[in-house]
Protein backbone atom coordinates (compact mmCIF):
# COMPACT_ATOMS: atom_id res chain seq x y z
CA MET A 1 19.48 0.12 5.02
CA SER A 2 18.35 0.79 8.55
CA ALA A 3 15.16 2.76 9.14
CA GLY A 4 17.04 5.91 10.09
CA ALA A 5 19.68 5.87 7.35
CA ARG A 6 19.82 8.35 4.47
CA ARG A 7 20.97 7.12 1.10
CA PRO A 8 23.79 9.11 -0.51
CA ASN A 9 22.51 11.14 -3.48
CA ALA A 10 18.95 10.77 -2.18
CA ASP A 11 17.76 13.35 -4.69
CA ARG A 12 18.52 11.01 -7.58
CA PRO A 13 16.08 8.24 -8.53
CA ILE A 14 17.12 4.67 -7.84
CA PRO A 15 17.80 2.71 -11.04
CA PRO A 16 16.01 -0.59 -11.57
CA PRO A 17 17.78 -3.42 -9.71
CA LYS A 18 19.81 -5.98 -11.57
CA ALA A 19 18.41 -9.49 -11.48
CA SER A 20 21.39 -10.63 -9.41
CA THR A 21 20.68 -8.08 -6.65
CA ALA A 22 16.90 -8.23 -6.59
CA PHE A 23 14.99 -10.67 -4.43
CA ARG A 24 11.52 -11.81 -5.46
CA ARG A 25 9.24 -14.52 -4.28
CA SER A 26 5.60 -14.89 -5.26
CA TYR A 27 3.02 -15.86 -2.66
CA LYS A 28 -0.60 -16.91 -2.84
CA GLY A 29 -1.72 -14.47 -0.19
CA VAL A 30 -0.36 -12.39 2.65
CA ALA A 31 -0.33 -15.12 5.33
CA PRO A 32 2.37 -17.29 3.69
CA ALA A 33 4.56 -14.22 3.10
CA VAL A 34 4.23 -13.08 6.71
CA ASN A 35 4.89 -16.64 7.93
CA ASP A 36 8.08 -16.80 5.88
CA VAL A 37 9.35 -13.54 7.36
CA LEU A 38 8.48 -14.70 10.88
CA GLY A 39 10.19 -18.03 10.19
CA GLY A 40 13.34 -16.37 8.87
CA HIS A 41 12.95 -17.85 5.38
CA VAL A 42 12.89 -14.45 3.65
CA PRO A 43 14.31 -11.15 4.93
CA LEU A 44 11.28 -8.96 4.25
CA THR A 45 7.94 -8.63 2.53
CA TYR A 46 5.68 -5.88 1.24
CA VAL A 47 2.16 -6.12 2.67
CA THR A 48 -0.59 -3.88 3.95
CA TRP A 49 -0.49 -2.83 7.60
CA GLY A 50 -3.40 -4.88 8.99
CA PRO A 51 -1.89 -8.38 8.78
CA VAL A 52 1.44 -7.35 10.34
CA ALA A 53 0.30 -4.80 12.94
CA PRO A 54 0.07 -7.37 15.78
CA TYR A 55 3.53 -8.74 14.96
CA VAL A 56 5.04 -5.26 14.89
CA ALA A 57 3.32 -4.38 18.18
CA SER A 58 4.67 -7.55 19.81
CA GLY A 59 8.20 -7.00 18.48
CA LYS A 60 8.18 -10.11 16.27
CA MET A 61 8.43 -7.98 13.12
CA ARG A 62 9.81 -4.53 12.42
CA ALA A 63 8.12 -2.09 10.07
CA LEU A 64 10.86 -0.62 7.86
CA ALA A 65 8.97 1.88 5.74
CA VAL A 66 5.58 2.99 4.47
CA ALA A 67 5.15 2.98 0.68
CA ASP A 68 2.81 5.95 0.58
CA HIS A 69 3.19 9.70 0.10
CA GLU A 70 2.91 10.36 3.84
CA ARG A 71 3.32 8.48 7.11
CA SER A 72 0.38 6.34 8.11
CA PRO A 73 -1.70 7.43 11.11
CA LEU A 74 -1.74 3.71 11.96
CA ALA A 75 2.08 3.68 12.23
CA PRO A 76 3.20 7.29 12.71
CA ASP A 77 6.74 6.32 13.78
CA VAL A 78 7.43 4.42 10.56
CA PRO A 79 9.07 6.61 7.89
CA THR A 80 7.99 6.73 4.28
CA LEU A 81 10.25 5.35 1.58
CA ALA A 82 10.74 8.94 0.39
CA GLU A 83 12.04 9.91 3.83
CA LEU A 84 14.59 7.12 3.48
CA GLY A 85 15.70 8.45 0.10
CA VAL A 86 13.64 6.24 -2.20
CA ARG A 87 11.73 8.61 -4.46
CA ASP A 88 8.72 7.80 -6.65
CA ALA A 89 7.91 4.61 -4.77
CA GLU A 90 4.40 5.34 -3.53
CA VAL A 91 2.25 2.25 -3.92
CA GLY A 92 -0.37 2.65 -1.23
CA ALA A 93 -3.32 0.29 -1.06
CA TRP A 94 -6.90 1.41 -1.50
CA GLN A 95 -10.34 -0.14 -1.92
CA ALA A 96 -13.48 1.11 -3.61
CA LEU A 97 -17.03 -0.03 -4.09
CA MET A 98 -17.43 -0.85 -7.78
CA GLY A 99 -20.40 -1.64 -9.96
CA PRO A 100 -21.13 -2.29 -13.62
CA LYS A 101 -20.25 0.58 -15.97
CA ASN A 102 -23.89 1.08 -16.96
CA LEU A 103 -25.19 1.46 -13.38
CA PRO A 104 -27.76 4.30 -13.40
CA PRO A 105 -26.40 7.60 -12.02
CA ASP A 106 -29.14 7.90 -9.39
CA ILE A 107 -28.18 4.49 -7.95
CA VAL A 108 -24.49 5.47 -7.99
CA ALA A 109 -25.30 8.69 -6.14
CA THR A 110 -27.42 6.86 -3.54
CA LEU A 111 -24.78 4.18 -2.94
CA ASN A 112 -22.06 6.81 -2.74
CA ARG A 113 -23.99 8.90 -0.23
CA HIS A 114 -24.70 5.89 2.00
CA MET A 115 -21.13 4.58 1.80
CA ASN A 116 -19.74 7.98 2.79
CA GLU A 117 -22.16 8.08 5.76
CA ILE A 118 -21.13 4.57 6.81
CA LEU A 119 -17.42 5.40 6.58
CA LYS A 120 -17.95 8.33 9.00
CA MET A 121 -19.39 6.05 11.69
CA PRO A 122 -16.92 5.74 14.60
CA ASP A 123 -17.47 1.99 15.03
CA VAL A 124 -16.84 1.38 11.33
CA ALA A 125 -13.66 3.48 11.40
CA ALA A 126 -12.46 1.59 14.49
CA ARG A 127 -13.11 -1.77 12.87
CA MET A 128 -11.37 -0.71 9.67
CA LYS A 129 -8.33 0.35 11.70
CA VAL A 130 -8.03 -3.23 13.00
CA TYR A 131 -7.66 -4.34 9.38
CA GLY A 132 -5.16 -1.59 8.62
CA ALA A 133 -7.55 0.58 6.63
CA ILE A 134 -8.23 4.29 6.95
CA PRO A 135 -11.71 5.33 5.79
CA ALA A 136 -11.53 8.13 3.26
CA GLY A 137 -14.80 8.26 1.36
CA GLY A 138 -15.23 10.28 -1.79
CA ASP A 139 -16.98 9.90 -5.10
CA GLY A 140 -16.59 8.20 -8.46
CA ALA A 141 -14.42 11.00 -9.79
CA ARG A 142 -11.94 10.47 -6.94
CA VAL A 143 -11.83 6.71 -7.61
CA ALA A 144 -11.26 7.37 -11.31
CA GLN A 145 -8.44 9.80 -10.49
CA VAL A 146 -6.66 7.38 -8.13
CA ASN A 147 -7.20 4.38 -10.40
CA GLY A 148 -6.04 6.30 -13.48
CA GLY A 149 -2.94 7.54 -11.69
CA ASP A 150 -2.11 4.03 -10.49
CA TYR A 151 -2.57 2.67 -14.01
CA ILE A 152 -0.08 5.16 -15.45
CA ARG A 153 2.44 4.73 -12.63
CA PHE A 154 2.32 0.92 -12.61
CA ALA A 155 2.56 0.76 -16.41
CA LYS A 156 5.79 2.75 -16.15
CA LEU A 157 7.13 0.47 -13.40
CA ILE A 158 6.31 -2.61 -15.44
CA LYS A 159 8.15 -1.17 -18.42
CA ASP A 160 11.14 0.20 -16.43
CA PHE A 161 11.70 -3.04 -14.54
CA GLY A 162 10.91 -5.37 -17.45
CA ILE A 163 8.17 -7.12 -15.47
CA GLN A 164 6.40 -9.89 -17.33
CA ALA A 165 3.52 -12.14 -16.38
CA ASN A 166 4.46 -15.75 -15.73
């Protein structure tokens, strides 16, 4: 499917692929996956923006879609999977500062306040952009909401696609 194509019946969810039509290769890190795409050994890969941004900018790779609920400000010309007709495929990447579950609330609040201040610093935001990250900030409740939502969504994907650890 080209980046501008619309899938017929785009309002219907895509069924899980059959083993004969799916392509899967496991990698121990992003670099080997990117190298295999650049070398023509595999047709595509799913990675975060940072490691491929220079290759996309130079024309050595082409960004096909963003797997998030909206276009990325780091790649505003790249459509989302939903725009291409693939619904319910949001699997954006995120990071959070974590600590032990019994960390005292006053320490959590202090760390959270400082982290949110740091993430608002222009030089930090610029550096994060180089790595393909967009500073968002927030609090523990937001992390719990995102993490909980991911847990439910990925559990369903694992079940629907029959994914098993190997």
